[in-house]
Amino acid sequence: MRKWLILAGAIAMEVVATMALRAAIDNPWWAILTVACYGGAFVSLAMLLRMGAPIGLIYGIWAASGVALTAVLASVIFGEPFTLTIGIGIAIVVTGVVLVETGHSAPSNGAAEAEVNP
């Protein structure tokens, strides 16, 4: 459960950093929040890796969630367009992450034993 909370925090920081980066166009002071939140997101990802979380899973969820949330929030906060094409693109990214993660199957006990004791 702790890993999921850290991952949620990393996602939130990455999205806040990206929104602040966009806001920095009008007010450069937002760049401070951008740097702080991107730094916090990467520290959180590093913590997850030290805790033994698989990088493919963690990075895939982090990246896909960030893309989706950023697109939605940019539309709501900054009035940027959210088109059908953007929605399809987000669906493809999320589907890709699911496919990558479900494509990793753990070896059965017999296969693992065969590698250890040939």
PDB file of N, CA and C in Angstrom:
ATOM      1  N   MET A   1       0.831  -1.201   0.000  1.00  0.00           N
ATOM      2  CA  MET A   1       0.000   0.000   0.000  1.00  0.00           C
ATOM      3  C   MET A   1       0.871   1.259   0.000  1.00  0.00           C
ATOM      4  N   ARG A   2       1.988   1.225   0.731  1.00  0.00           N
ATOM      5  CA  ARG A   2       2.879   2.381   0.818  1.00  0.00           C
ATOM      6  C   ARG A   2       3.447   2.729  -0.556  1.00  0.00           C
ATOM      7  N   LYS A   3       3.778   1.708  -1.355  1.00  0.00           N
ATOM      8  CA  LYS A   3       4.330   1.952  -2.686  1.00  0.00           C
ATOM      9  C   LYS A   3       3.326   2.688  -3.564  1.00  0.00           C
ATOM     10  N   TRP A   4       2.053   2.317  -3.473  1.00  0.00           N
ATOM     11  CA  TRP A   4       1.032   2.966  -4.289  1.00  0.00           C
ATOM     12  C   TRP A   4       0.844   4.422  -3.876  1.00  0.00           C
ATOM     13  N   LEU A   5       0.961   4.701  -2.593  1.00  0.00           N
ATOM     14  CA  LEU A   5       0.847   6.087  -2.122  1.00  0.00           C
ATOM     15  C   LEU A   5       2.022   6.933  -2.619  1.00  0.00           C
ATOM     16  N   ILE A   6       3.215   6.361  -2.578  1.00  0.00           N
ATOM     17  CA  ILE A   6       4.386   7.080  -3.086  1.00  0.00           C
ATOM     18  C   ILE A   6       4.244   7.314  -4.583  1.00  0.00           C
ATOM     19  N   LEU A   7       3.766   6.301  -5.302  1.00  0.00           N
ATOM     20  CA  LEU A   7       3.562   6.459  -6.740  1.00  0.00           C
ATOM     21  C   LEU A   7       2.520   7.534  -7.030  1.00  0.00           C
ATOM     22  N   ALA A   8       1.440   7.546  -6.274  1.00  0.00           N
ATOM     23  CA  ALA A   8       0.405   8.581  -6.452  1.00  0.00           C
ATOM     24  C   ALA A   8       0.998   9.968  -6.204  1.00  0.00           C
ATOM     25  N   GLY A   9       1.847  10.077  -5.199  1.00  0.00           N
ATOM     26  CA  GLY A   9       2.519  11.350  -4.926  1.00  0.00           C
ATOM     27  C   GLY A   9       3.428  11.766  -6.070  1.00  0.00           C
ATOM     28  N   ALA A  10       4.157  10.804  -6.637  1.00  0.00           N
ATOM     29  CA  ALA A  10       5.050  11.090  -7.768  1.00  0.00           C
ATOM     30  C   ALA A  10       4.248  11.564  -8.978  1.00  0.00           C
ATOM     31  N   ILE A  11       3.119  10.927  -9.210  1.00  0.00           N
ATOM     32  CA  ILE A  11       2.253  11.329 -10.326  1.00  0.00           C
ATOM     33  C   ILE A  11       1.723  12.741 -10.089  1.00  0.00           C
ATOM     34  N   ALA A  12       1.248  13.003  -8.891  1.00  0.00           N
ATOM     35  CA  ALA A  12       0.699  14.323  -8.570  1.00  0.00           C
ATOM     36  C   ALA A  12       1.764  15.407  -8.726  1.00  0.00           C
ATOM     37  N   MET A  13       2.977  15.128  -8.241  1.00  0.00           N
ATOM     38  CA  MET A  13       4.047  16.124  -8.360  1.00  0.00           C
ATOM     39  C   MET A  13       4.423  16.384  -9.815  1.00  0.00           C
ATOM     40  N   GLU A  14       4.451  15.327 -10.610  1.00  0.00           N
ATOM     41  CA  GLU A  14       4.792  15.492 -12.024  1.00  0.00           C
ATOM     42  C   GLU A  14       3.737  16.322 -12.746  1.00  0.00           C
ATOM     43  N   VAL A  15       2.484  16.087 -12.453  1.00  0.00           N
ATOM     44  CA  VAL A  15       1.404  16.828 -13.099  1.00  0.00           C
ATOM     45  C   VAL A  15       1.407  18.291 -12.631  1.00  0.00           C
ATOM     46  N   VAL A  16       1.589  18.512 -11.344  1.00  0.00           N
ATOM     47  CA  VAL A  16       1.668  19.888 -10.831  1.00  0.00           C
ATOM     48  C   VAL A  16       2.855  20.615 -11.464  1.00  0.00           C
ATOM     49  N   ALA A  17       3.989  19.932 -11.587  1.00  0.00           N
ATOM     50  CA  ALA A  17       5.171  20.543 -12.204  1.00  0.00           C
ATOM     51  C   ALA A  17       4.895  20.937 -13.644  1.00  0.00           C
ATOM     52  N   THR A  18       4.216  20.087 -14.370  1.00  0.00           N
ATOM     53  CA  THR A  18       3.919  20.385 -15.773  1.00  0.00           C
ATOM     54  C   THR A  18       2.928  21.534 -15.891  1.00  0.00           C
ATOM     55  N   MET A  19       1.931  21.571 -15.027  1.00  0.00           N
ATOM     56  CA  MET A  19       0.992  22.689 -15.035  1.00  0.00           C
ATOM     57  C   MET A  19       1.707  23.994 -14.656  1.00  0.00           C
ATOM     58  N   ALA A  20       2.608  23.920 -13.698  1.00  0.00           N
ATOM     59  CA  ALA A  20       3.367  25.112 -13.297  1.00  0.00           C
ATOM     60  C   ALA A  20       4.287  25.562 -14.428  1.00  0.00           C
ATOM     61  N   LEU A  21       4.828  24.614 -15.174  1.00  0.00           N
ATOM     62  CA  LEU A  21       5.672  24.957 -16.322  1.00  0.00           C
ATOM     63  C   LEU A  21       4.865  25.760 -17.342  1.00  0.00           C
ATOM     64  N   ARG A  22       3.646  25.338 -17.579  1.00  0.00           N
ATOM     65  CA  ARG A  22       2.760  26.070 -18.500  1.00  0.00           C
ATOM     66  C   ARG A  22       2.422  27.448 -17.932  1.00  0.00           C
ATOM     67  N   ALA A  23       2.180  27.523 -16.632  1.00  0.00           N
ATOM     68  CA  ALA A  23       1.860  28.800 -15.992  1.00  0.00           C
ATOM     69  C   ALA A  23       3.057  29.749 -16.003  1.00  0.00           C
ATOM     70  N   ALA A  24       4.261  29.203 -16.051  1.00  0.00           N
ATOM     71  CA  ALA A  24       5.477  30.022 -16.052  1.00  0.00           C
ATOM     72  C   ALA A  24       5.614  30.858 -17.319  1.00  0.00           C
ATOM     73  N   ILE A  25       4.848  30.532 -18.347  1.00  0.00           N
ATOM     74  CA  ILE A  25       4.857  31.353 -19.561  1.00  0.00           C
ATOM     75  C   ILE A  25       4.424  32.784 -19.223  1.00  0.00           C
ATOM     76  N   ASP A  26       3.421  32.903 -18.366  1.00  0.00           N
ATOM     77  CA  ASP A  26       2.887  34.211 -17.997  1.00  0.00           C
ATOM     78  C   ASP A  26       3.569  34.809 -16.772  1.00  0.00           C
ATOM     79  N   ASN A  27       4.059  33.938 -15.872  1.00  0.00           N
ATOM     80  CA  ASN A  27       4.701  34.405 -14.651  1.00  0.00           C
ATOM     81  C   ASN A  27       5.879  33.485 -14.336  1.00  0.00           C
ATOM     82  N   PRO A  28       7.099  33.960 -14.555  1.00  0.00           N
ATOM     83  CA  PRO A  28       8.274  33.104 -14.399  1.00  0.00           C
ATOM     84  C   PRO A  28       8.458  32.500 -13.002  1.00  0.00           C
ATOM     85  N   TRP A  29       7.818  33.054 -12.003  1.00  0.00           N
ATOM     86  CA  TRP A  29       7.966  32.518 -10.649  1.00  0.00           C
ATOM     87  C   TRP A  29       7.421  31.092 -10.529  1.00  0.00           C
ATOM     88  N   TRP A  30       6.526  30.696 -11.424  1.00  0.00           N
ATOM     89  CA  TRP A  30       5.999  29.330 -11.408  1.00  0.00           C
ATOM     90  C   TRP A  30       7.108  28.314 -11.680  1.00  0.00           C
ATOM     91  N   ALA A  31       8.198  28.756 -12.269  1.00  0.00           N
ATOM     92  CA  ALA A  31       9.306  27.847 -12.569  1.00  0.00           C
ATOM     93  C   ALA A  31       9.901  27.241 -11.292  1.00  0.00           C
ATOM     94  N   ILE A  32       9.814  27.956 -10.190  1.00  0.00           N
ATOM     95  CA  ILE A  32      10.315  27.429  -8.909  1.00  0.00           C
ATOM     96  C   ILE A  32       9.516  26.187  -8.516  1.00  0.00           C
ATOM     97  N   LEU A  33       8.189  26.268  -8.634  1.00  0.00           N
ATOM     98  CA  LEU A  33       7.341  25.113  -8.329  1.00  0.00           C
ATOM     99  C   LEU A  33       7.617  23.976  -9.310  1.00  0.00           C
ATOM    100  N   THR A  34       7.862  24.329 -10.564  1.00  0.00           N
ATOM    101  CA  THR A  34       8.166  23.321 -11.577  1.00  0.00           C
ATOM    102  C   THR A  34       9.387  22.502 -11.167  1.00  0.00           C
ATOM    103  N   VAL A  35      10.464  23.181 -10.828  1.00  0.00           N
ATOM    104  CA  VAL A  35      11.712  22.499 -10.453  1.00  0.00           C
ATOM    105  C   VAL A  35      11.515  21.667  -9.185  1.00  0.00           C
ATOM    106  N   ALA A  36      10.857  22.241  -8.200  1.00  0.00           N
ATOM    107  CA  ALA A  36      10.649  21.533  -6.939  1.00  0.00           C
ATOM    108  C   ALA A  36       9.814  20.267  -7.136  1.00  0.00           C
ATOM    109  N   CYS A  37       8.748  20.372  -7.902  1.00  0.00           N
ATOM    110  CA  CYS A  37       7.863  19.216  -8.081  1.00  0.00           C
ATOM    111  C   CYS A  37       8.483  18.142  -8.970  1.00  0.00           C
ATOM    112  N   TYR A  38       9.182  18.548 -10.039  1.00  0.00           N
ATOM    113  CA  TYR A  38       9.868  17.528 -10.837  1.00  0.00           C
ATOM    114  C   TYR A  38      10.923  16.820  -9.992  1.00  0.00           C
ATOM    115  N   GLY A  39      11.652  17.575  -9.192  1.00  0.00           N
ATOM    116  CA  GLY A  39      12.638  16.963  -8.291  1.00  0.00           C
ATOM    117  C   GLY A  39      11.984  15.985  -7.329  1.00  0.00           C
ATOM    118  N   GLY A  40      10.876  16.393  -6.735  1.00  0.00           N
ATOM    119  CA  GLY A  40      10.153  15.517  -5.812  1.00  0.00           C
ATOM    120  C   GLY A  40       9.634  14.260  -6.492  1.00  0.00           C
ATOM    121  N   ALA A  41       9.166  14.399  -7.726  1.00  0.00           N
ATOM    122  CA  ALA A  41       8.668  13.232  -8.463  1.00  0.00           C
ATOM    123  C   ALA A  41       9.787  12.228  -8.707  1.00  0.00           C
ATOM    124  N   PHE A  42      10.961  12.720  -9.115  1.00  0.00           N
ATOM    125  CA  PHE A  42      12.068  11.805  -9.382  1.00  0.00           C
ATOM    126  C   PHE A  42      12.622  11.187  -8.104  1.00  0.00           C
ATOM    127  N   VAL A  43      12.626  11.931  -7.021  1.00  0.00           N
ATOM    128  CA  VAL A  43      13.039  11.359  -5.731  1.00  0.00           C
ATOM    129  C   VAL A  43      12.061  10.253  -5.330  1.00  0.00           C
ATOM    130  N   SER A  44      10.780  10.488  -5.531  1.00  0.00           N
ATOM    131  CA  SER A  44       9.766   9.470  -5.214  1.00  0.00           C
ATOM    132  C   SER A  44       9.953   8.215  -6.066  1.00  0.00           C
ATOM    133  N   LEU A  45      10.225   8.397  -7.359  1.00  0.00           N
ATOM    134  CA  LEU A  45      10.470   7.238  -8.225  1.00  0.00           C
ATOM    135  C   LEU A  45      11.709   6.474  -7.766  1.00  0.00           C
ATOM    136  N   ALA A  46      12.744   7.188  -7.377  1.00  0.00           N
ATOM    137  CA  ALA A  46      13.958   6.531  -6.880  1.00  0.00           C
ATOM    138  C   ALA A  46      13.669   5.746  -5.599  1.00  0.00           C
ATOM    139  N   MET A  47      12.848   6.307  -4.729  1.00  0.00           N
ATOM    140  CA  MET A  47      12.460   5.600  -3.503  1.00  0.00           C
ATOM    141  C   MET A  47      11.752   4.288  -3.838  1.00  0.00           C
ATOM    142  N   LEU A  48      10.857   4.341  -4.806  1.00  0.00           N
ATOM    143  CA  LEU A  48      10.128   3.140  -5.207  1.00  0.00           C
ATOM    144  C   LEU A  48      11.075   2.070  -5.738  1.00  0.00           C
ATOM    145  N   LEU A  49      12.048   2.485  -6.525  1.00  0.00           N
ATOM    146  CA  LEU A  49      13.017   1.522  -7.050  1.00  0.00           C
ATOM    147  C   LEU A  49      13.849   0.918  -5.917  1.00  0.00           C
ATOM    148  N   ARG A  50      14.237   1.733  -4.948  1.00  0.00           N
ATOM    149  CA  ARG A  50      14.973   1.211  -3.786  1.00  0.00           C
ATOM    150  C   ARG A  50      14.125   0.244  -2.967  1.00  0.00           C
ATOM    151  N   MET A  51      12.809   0.420  -3.008  1.00  0.00           N
ATOM    152  CA  MET A  51      11.901  -0.470  -2.276  1.00  0.00           C
ATOM    153  C   MET A  51      11.642  -1.767  -3.047  1.00  0.00           C
ATOM    154  N   GLY A  52      12.219  -1.873  -4.246  1.00  0.00           N
ATOM    155  CA  GLY A  52      12.080  -3.098  -5.025  1.00  0.00           C
ATOM    156  C   GLY A  52      10.960  -3.096  -6.044  1.00  0.00           C
ATOM    157  N   ALA A  53      10.352  -1.950  -6.279  1.00  0.00           N
ATOM    158  CA  ALA A  53       9.279  -1.884  -7.276  1.00  0.00           C
ATOM    159  C   ALA A  53       9.884  -2.050  -8.672  1.00  0.00           C
ATOM    160  N   PRO A  54       9.216  -2.783  -9.548  1.00  0.00           N
ATOM    161  CA  PRO A  54       9.745  -2.980 -10.904  1.00  0.00           C
ATOM    162  C   PRO A  54       9.661  -1.687 -11.720  1.00  0.00           C
ATOM    163  N   ILE A  55      10.758  -1.332 -12.355  1.00  0.00           N
ATOM    164  CA  ILE A  55      10.831  -0.054 -13.069  1.00  0.00           C
ATOM    165  C   ILE A  55       9.819   0.028 -14.213  1.00  0.00           C
ATOM    166  N   GLY A  56       9.597  -1.064 -14.926  1.00  0.00           N
ATOM    167  CA  GLY A  56       8.641  -1.038 -16.035  1.00  0.00           C
ATOM    168  C   GLY A  56       7.240  -0.699 -15.567  1.00  0.00           C
ATOM    169  N   LEU A  57       6.833  -1.290 -14.482  1.00  0.00           N
ATOM    170  CA  LEU A  57       5.500  -1.031 -13.937  1.00  0.00           C
ATOM    171  C   LEU A  57       5.391   0.399 -13.417  1.00  0.00           C
ATOM    172  N   ILE A  58       6.341   0.785 -12.590  1.00  0.00           N
ATOM    173  CA  ILE A  58       6.301   2.106 -11.963  1.00  0.00           C
ATOM    174  C   ILE A  58       6.362   3.217 -13.013  1.00  0.00           C
ATOM    175  N   TYR A  59       7.327   3.118 -13.904  1.00  0.00           N
ATOM    176  CA  TYR A  59       7.483   4.169 -14.914  1.00  0.00           C
ATOM    177  C   TYR A  59       6.295   4.199 -15.868  1.00  0.00           C
ATOM    178  N   GLY A  60       5.801   3.037 -16.251  1.00  0.00           N
ATOM    179  CA  GLY A  60       4.659   2.986 -17.158  1.00  0.00           C
ATOM    180  C   GLY A  60       3.429   3.654 -16.572  1.00  0.00           C
ATOM    181  N   ILE A  61       3.115   3.335 -15.342  1.00  0.00           N
ATOM    182  CA  ILE A  61       1.949   3.934 -14.678  1.00  0.00           C
ATOM    183  C   ILE A  61       2.168   5.430 -14.489  1.00  0.00           C
ATOM    184  N   TRP A  62       3.364   5.804 -14.056  1.00  0.00           N
ATOM    185  CA  TRP A  62       3.690   7.214 -13.826  1.00  0.00           C
ATOM    186  C   TRP A  62       3.551   8.026 -15.109  1.00  0.00           C
ATOM    187  N   ALA A  63       4.137   7.532 -16.172  1.00  0.00           N
ATOM    188  CA  ALA A  63       4.128   8.261 -17.439  1.00  0.00           C
ATOM    189  C   ALA A  63       2.726   8.342 -18.041  1.00  0.00           C
ATOM    190  N   ALA A  64       2.022   7.220 -18.092  1.00  0.00           N
ATOM    191  CA  ALA A  64       0.681   7.213 -18.687  1.00  0.00           C
ATOM    192  C   ALA A  64      -0.282   8.079 -17.887  1.00  0.00           C
ATOM    193  N   SER A  65      -0.206   7.984 -16.582  1.00  0.00           N
ATOM    194  CA  SER A  65      -1.083   8.806 -15.736  1.00  0.00           C
ATOM    195  C   SER A  65      -0.767  10.277 -15.917  1.00  0.00           C
ATOM    196  N   GLY A  66       0.514  10.595 -15.987  1.00  0.00           N
ATOM    197  CA  GLY A  66       0.925  11.987 -16.175  1.00  0.00           C
ATOM    198  C   GLY A  66       0.424  12.557 -17.484  1.00  0.00           C
ATOM    199  N   VAL A  67       0.538  11.783 -18.556  1.00  0.00           N
ATOM    200  CA  VAL A  67       0.064  12.239 -19.867  1.00  0.00           C
ATOM    201  C   VAL A  67      -1.443  12.493 -19.821  1.00  0.00           C
ATOM    202  N   ALA A  68      -2.185  11.545 -19.294  1.00  0.00           N
ATOM    203  CA  ALA A  68      -3.643  11.671 -19.262  1.00  0.00           C
ATOM    204  C   ALA A  68      -4.087  12.844 -18.392  1.00  0.00           C
ATOM    205  N   LEU A  69      -3.573  12.923 -17.186  1.00  0.00           N
ATOM    206  CA  LEU A  69      -3.983  13.996 -16.276  1.00  0.00           C
ATOM    207  C   LEU A  69      -3.557  15.365 -16.788  1.00  0.00           C
ATOM    208  N   THR A  70      -2.366  15.450 -17.367  1.00  0.00           N
ATOM    209  CA  THR A  70      -1.891  16.722 -17.896  1.00  0.00           C
ATOM    210  C   THR A  70      -2.787  17.207 -19.032  1.00  0.00           C
ATOM    211  N   ALA A  71      -3.170  16.319 -19.923  1.00  0.00           N
ATOM    212  CA  ALA A  71      -4.043  16.710 -21.037  1.00  0.00           C
ATOM    213  C   ALA A  71      -5.390  17.203 -20.535  1.00  0.00           C
ATOM    214  N   VAL A  72      -5.962  16.501 -19.570  1.00  0.00           N
ATOM    215  CA  VAL A  72      -7.273  16.892 -19.029  1.00  0.00           C
ATOM    216  C   VAL A  72      -7.170  18.221 -18.282  1.00  0.00           C
ATOM    217  N   LEU A  73      -6.171  18.345 -17.416  1.00  0.00           N
ATOM    218  CA  LEU A  73      -6.038  19.579 -16.631  1.00  0.00           C
ATOM    219  C   LEU A  73      -5.668  20.777 -17.496  1.00  0.00           C
ATOM    220  N   ALA A  74      -4.860  20.566 -18.532  1.00  0.00           N
ATOM    221  CA  ALA A  74      -4.525  21.676 -19.433  1.00  0.00           C
ATOM    222  C   ALA A  74      -5.776  22.193 -20.124  1.00  0.00           C
ATOM    223  N   SER A  75      -6.682  21.307 -20.414  1.00  0.00           N
ATOM    224  CA  SER A  75      -7.943  21.716 -21.023  1.00  0.00           C
ATOM    225  C   SER A  75      -8.800  22.507 -20.039  1.00  0.00           C
ATOM    226  N   VAL A  76      -8.880  22.014 -18.812  1.00  0.00           N
ATOM    227  CA  VAL A  76      -9.719  22.656 -17.794  1.00  0.00           C
ATOM    228  C   VAL A  76      -9.118  23.980 -17.319  1.00  0.00           C
ATOM    229  N   ILE A  77      -7.820  23.977 -17.012  1.00  0.00           N
ATOM    230  CA  ILE A  77      -7.187  25.153 -16.402  1.00  0.00           C
ATOM    231  C   ILE A  77      -6.814  26.212 -17.441  1.00  0.00           C
ATOM    232  N   PHE A  78      -6.238  25.770 -18.555  1.00  0.00           N
ATOM    233  CA  PHE A  78      -5.711  26.719 -19.534  1.00  0.00           C
ATOM    234  C   PHE A  78      -6.553  26.836 -20.793  1.00  0.00           C
ATOM    235  N   GLY A  79      -7.645  26.083 -20.859  1.00  0.00           N
ATOM    236  CA  GLY A  79      -8.521  26.164 -22.019  1.00  0.00           C
ATOM    237  C   GLY A  79      -7.927  25.567 -23.288  1.00  0.00           C
ATOM    238  N   GLU A  80      -6.933  24.706 -23.124  1.00  0.00           N
ATOM    239  CA  GLU A  80      -6.353  24.055 -24.293  1.00  0.00           C
ATOM    240  C   GLU A  80      -7.345  23.021 -24.824  1.00  0.00           C
ATOM    241  N   PRO A  81      -7.303  22.766 -26.115  1.00  0.00           N
ATOM    242  CA  PRO A  81      -8.291  21.843 -26.689  1.00  0.00           C
ATOM    243  C   PRO A  81      -8.107  20.409 -26.194  1.00  0.00           C
ATOM    244  N   PHE A  82      -9.215  19.733 -26.032  1.00  0.00           N
ATOM    245  CA  PHE A  82      -9.208  18.298 -25.735  1.00  0.00           C
ATOM    246  C   PHE A  82     -10.075  17.657 -26.809  1.00  0.00           C
ATOM    247  N   THR A  83      -9.404  17.188 -27.838  1.00  0.00           N
ATOM    248  CA  THR A  83     -10.114  16.670 -29.007  1.00  0.00           C
ATOM    249  C   THR A  83     -10.285  15.161 -28.924  1.00  0.00           C
ATOM    250  N   LEU A  84     -11.054  14.642 -29.829  1.00  0.00           N
ATOM    251  CA  LEU A  84     -11.225  13.191 -29.927  1.00  0.00           C
ATOM    252  C   LEU A  84      -9.875  12.515 -30.183  1.00  0.00           C
ATOM    253  N   THR A  85      -9.063  13.143 -31.010  1.00  0.00           N
ATOM    254  CA  THR A  85      -7.738  12.581 -31.310  1.00  0.00           C
ATOM    255  C   THR A  85      -6.887  12.495 -30.042  1.00  0.00           C
ATOM    256  N   ILE A  86      -6.930  13.523 -29.215  1.00  0.00           N
ATOM    257  CA  ILE A  86      -6.190  13.504 -27.953  1.00  0.00           C
ATOM    258  C   ILE A  86      -6.717  12.390 -27.059  1.00  0.00           C
ATOM    259  N   GLY A  87      -8.019  12.251 -26.969  1.00  0.00           N
ATOM    260  CA  GLY A  87      -8.620  11.177 -26.169  1.00  0.00           C
ATOM    261  C   GLY A  87      -8.207   9.800 -26.662  1.00  0.00           C
ATOM    262  N   ILE A  88      -8.179   9.619 -27.975  1.00  0.00           N
ATOM    263  CA  ILE A  88      -7.747   8.334 -28.542  1.00  0.00           C
ATOM    264  C   ILE A  88      -6.276   8.100 -28.230  1.00  0.00           C
ATOM    265  N   GLY A  89      -5.469   9.146 -28.333  1.00  0.00           N
ATOM    266  CA  GLY A  89      -4.047   9.025 -28.013  1.00  0.00           C
ATOM    267  C   GLY A  89      -3.822   8.599 -26.571  1.00  0.00           C
ATOM    268  N   ILE A  90      -4.575   9.188 -25.647  1.00  0.00           N
ATOM    269  CA  ILE A  90      -4.469   8.809 -24.234  1.00  0.00           C
ATOM    270  C   ILE A  90      -4.878   7.353 -24.059  1.00  0.00           C
ATOM    271  N   ALA A  91      -5.953   6.946 -24.711  1.00  0.00           N
ATOM    272  CA  ALA A  91      -6.394   5.549 -24.617  1.00  0.00           C
ATOM    273  C   ALA A  91      -5.321   4.599 -25.147  1.00  0.00           C
ATOM    274  N   ILE A  92      -4.643   4.999 -26.221  1.00  0.00           N
ATOM    275  CA  ILE A  92      -3.575   4.162 -26.773  1.00  0.00           C
ATOM    276  C   ILE A  92      -2.407   4.059 -25.795  1.00  0.00           C
ATOM    277  N   VAL A  93      -2.030   5.174 -25.175  1.00  0.00           N
ATOM    278  CA  VAL A  93      -0.933   5.162 -24.203  1.00  0.00           C
ATOM    279  C   VAL A  93      -1.274   4.246 -23.028  1.00  0.00           C
ATOM    280  N   VAL A  94      -2.466   4.406 -22.490  1.00  0.00           N
ATOM    281  CA  VAL A  94      -2.890   3.578 -21.345  1.00  0.00           C
ATOM    282  C   VAL A  94      -2.940   2.105 -21.755  1.00  0.00           C
ATOM    283  N   THR A  95      -3.490   1.827 -22.923  1.00  0.00           N
ATOM    284  CA  THR A  95      -3.543   0.445 -23.414  1.00  0.00           C
ATOM    285  C   THR A  95      -2.141  -0.119 -23.584  1.00  0.00           C
ATOM    286  N   GLY A  96      -1.232   0.685 -24.089  1.00  0.00           N
ATOM    287  CA  GLY A  96       0.153   0.243 -24.247  1.00  0.00           C
ATOM    288  C   GLY A  96       0.788  -0.136 -22.930  1.00  0.00           C
ATOM    289  N   VAL A  97       0.558   0.661 -21.896  1.00  0.00           N
ATOM    290  CA  VAL A  97       1.114   0.346 -20.572  1.00  0.00           C
ATOM    291  C   VAL A  97       0.524  -0.966 -20.059  1.00  0.00           C
ATOM    292  N   VAL A  98      -0.772  -1.141 -20.211  1.00  0.00           N
ATOM    293  CA  VAL A  98      -1.414  -2.386 -19.765  1.00  0.00           C
ATOM    294  C   VAL A  98      -0.838  -3.577 -20.522  1.00  0.00           C
ATOM    295  N   LEU A  99      -0.662  -3.440 -21.829  1.00  0.00           N
ATOM    296  CA  LEU A  99      -0.114  -4.543 -22.625  1.00  0.00           C
ATOM    297  C   LEU A  99       1.322  -4.872 -22.233  1.00  0.00           C
ATOM    298  N   VAL A 100       2.122  -3.860 -22.013  1.00  0.00           N
ATOM    299  CA  VAL A 100       3.508  -4.100 -21.600  1.00  0.00           C
ATOM    300  C   VAL A 100       3.544  -4.835 -20.265  1.00  0.00           C
ATOM    301  N   GLU A 101       2.719  -4.404 -19.346  1.00  0.00           N
ATOM    302  CA  GLU A 101       2.743  -5.010 -18.015  1.00  0.00           C
ATOM    303  C   GLU A 101       2.143  -6.414 -17.993  1.00  0.00           C
ATOM    304  N   THR A 102       1.109  -6.656 -18.766  1.00  0.00           N
ATOM    305  CA  THR A 102       0.530  -8.004 -18.784  1.00  0.00           C
ATOM    306  C   THR A 102       1.376  -8.947 -19.642  1.00  0.00           C
ATOM    307  N   GLY A 103       2.243  -8.385 -20.476  1.00  0.00           N
ATOM    308  CA  GLY A 103       3.126  -9.213 -21.290  1.00  0.00           C
ATOM    309  C   GLY A 103       4.254  -9.835 -20.496  1.00  0.00           C
ATOM    310  N   HIS A 104       4.531  -9.306 -19.318  1.00  0.00           N
ATOM    311  CA  HIS A 104       5.550  -9.886 -18.444  1.00  0.00           C
ATOM    312  C   HIS A 104       4.907 -10.976 -17.612  1.00  0.00           C
ATOM    313  N   SER A 105       5.196 -12.202 -17.941  1.00  0.00           N
ATOM    314  CA  SER A 105       4.635 -13.279 -17.130  1.00  0.00           C
ATOM    315  C   SER A 105       5.738 -13.889 -16.291  1.00  0.00           C
ATOM    316  N   ALA A 106       5.417 -14.175 -15.061  1.00  0.00           N
ATOM    317  CA  ALA A 106       6.380 -14.805 -14.164  1.00  0.00           C
ATOM    318  C   ALA A 106       6.597 -16.243 -14.604  1.00  0.00           C
ATOM    319  N   PRO A 107       7.841 -16.706 -14.579  1.00  0.00           N
ATOM    320  CA  PRO A 107       8.076 -18.097 -14.966  1.00  0.00           C
ATOM    321  C   PRO A 107       7.433 -19.040 -13.951  1.00  0.00           C
ATOM    322  N   SER A 108       6.939 -20.168 -14.472  1.00  0.00           N
ATOM    323  CA  SER A 108       6.350 -21.140 -13.564  1.00  0.00           C
ATOM    324  C   SER A 108       7.459 -21.740 -12.704  1.00  0.00           C
ATOM    325  N   ASN A 109       7.070 -22.380 -11.606  1.00  0.00           N
ATOM    326  CA  ASN A 109       8.065 -22.970 -10.711  1.00  0.00           C
ATOM    327  C   ASN A 109       8.956 -23.975 -11.417  1.00  0.00           C
ATOM    328  N   GLY A 110       8.379 -24.713 -12.335  1.00  0.00           N
ATOM    329  CA  GLY A 110       9.158 -25.706 -13.071  1.00  0.00           C
ATOM    330  C   GLY A 110      10.236 -25.052 -13.920  1.00  0.00           C
ATOM    331  N   ALA A 111       9.909 -23.939 -14.564  1.00  0.00           N
ATOM    332  CA  ALA A 111      10.883 -23.244 -15.401  1.00  0.00           C
ATOM    333  C   ALA A 111      11.991 -22.646 -14.537  1.00  0.00           C
ATOM    334  N   ALA A 112      11.609 -22.109 -13.382  1.00  0.00           N
ATOM    335  CA  ALA A 112      12.626 -21.520 -12.498  1.00  0.00           C
ATOM    336  C   ALA A 112      13.538 -22.603 -11.956  1.00  0.00           C
ATOM    337  N   GLU A 113      12.985 -23.747 -11.609  1.00  0.00           N
ATOM    338  CA  GLU A 113      13.803 -24.833 -11.082  1.00  0.00           C
ATOM    339  C   GLU A 113      14.726 -25.382 -12.160  1.00  0.00           C
ATOM    340  N   ALA A 114      14.263 -25.428 -13.399  1.00  0.00           N
ATOM    341  CA  ALA A 114      15.075 -25.937 -14.486  1.00  0.00           C
ATOM    342  C   ALA A 114      16.268 -25.034 -14.729  1.00  0.00           C
ATOM    343  N   GLU A 115      16.099 -23.717 -14.532  1.00  0.00           N
ATOM    344  CA  GLU A 115      17.221 -22.789 -14.705  1.00  0.00           C
ATOM    345  C   GLU A 115      18.235 -22.951 -13.583  1.00  0.00           C
ATOM    346  N   VAL A 116      17.748 -23.215 -12.362  1.00  0.00           N
ATOM    347  CA  VAL A 116      18.639 -23.347 -11.214  1.00  0.00           C
ATOM    348  C   VAL A 116      19.339 -24.709 -11.234  1.00  0.00           C
ATOM    349  N   ASN A 117      18.597 -25.764 -11.555  1.00  0.00           N
ATOM    350  CA  ASN A 117      19.142 -27.130 -11.556  1.00  0.00           C
ATOM    351  C   ASN A 117      19.017 -27.759 -12.943  1.00  0.00           C
ATOM    352  N   PRO A 118      19.941 -27.447 -13.854  1.00  0.00           N
ATOM    353  CA  PRO A 118      19.818 -27.978 -15.210  1.00  0.00           C
ATOM    354  C   PRO A 118      20.039 -29.472 -15.300  1.00  0.00           C
TER     355      PRO A 118
END
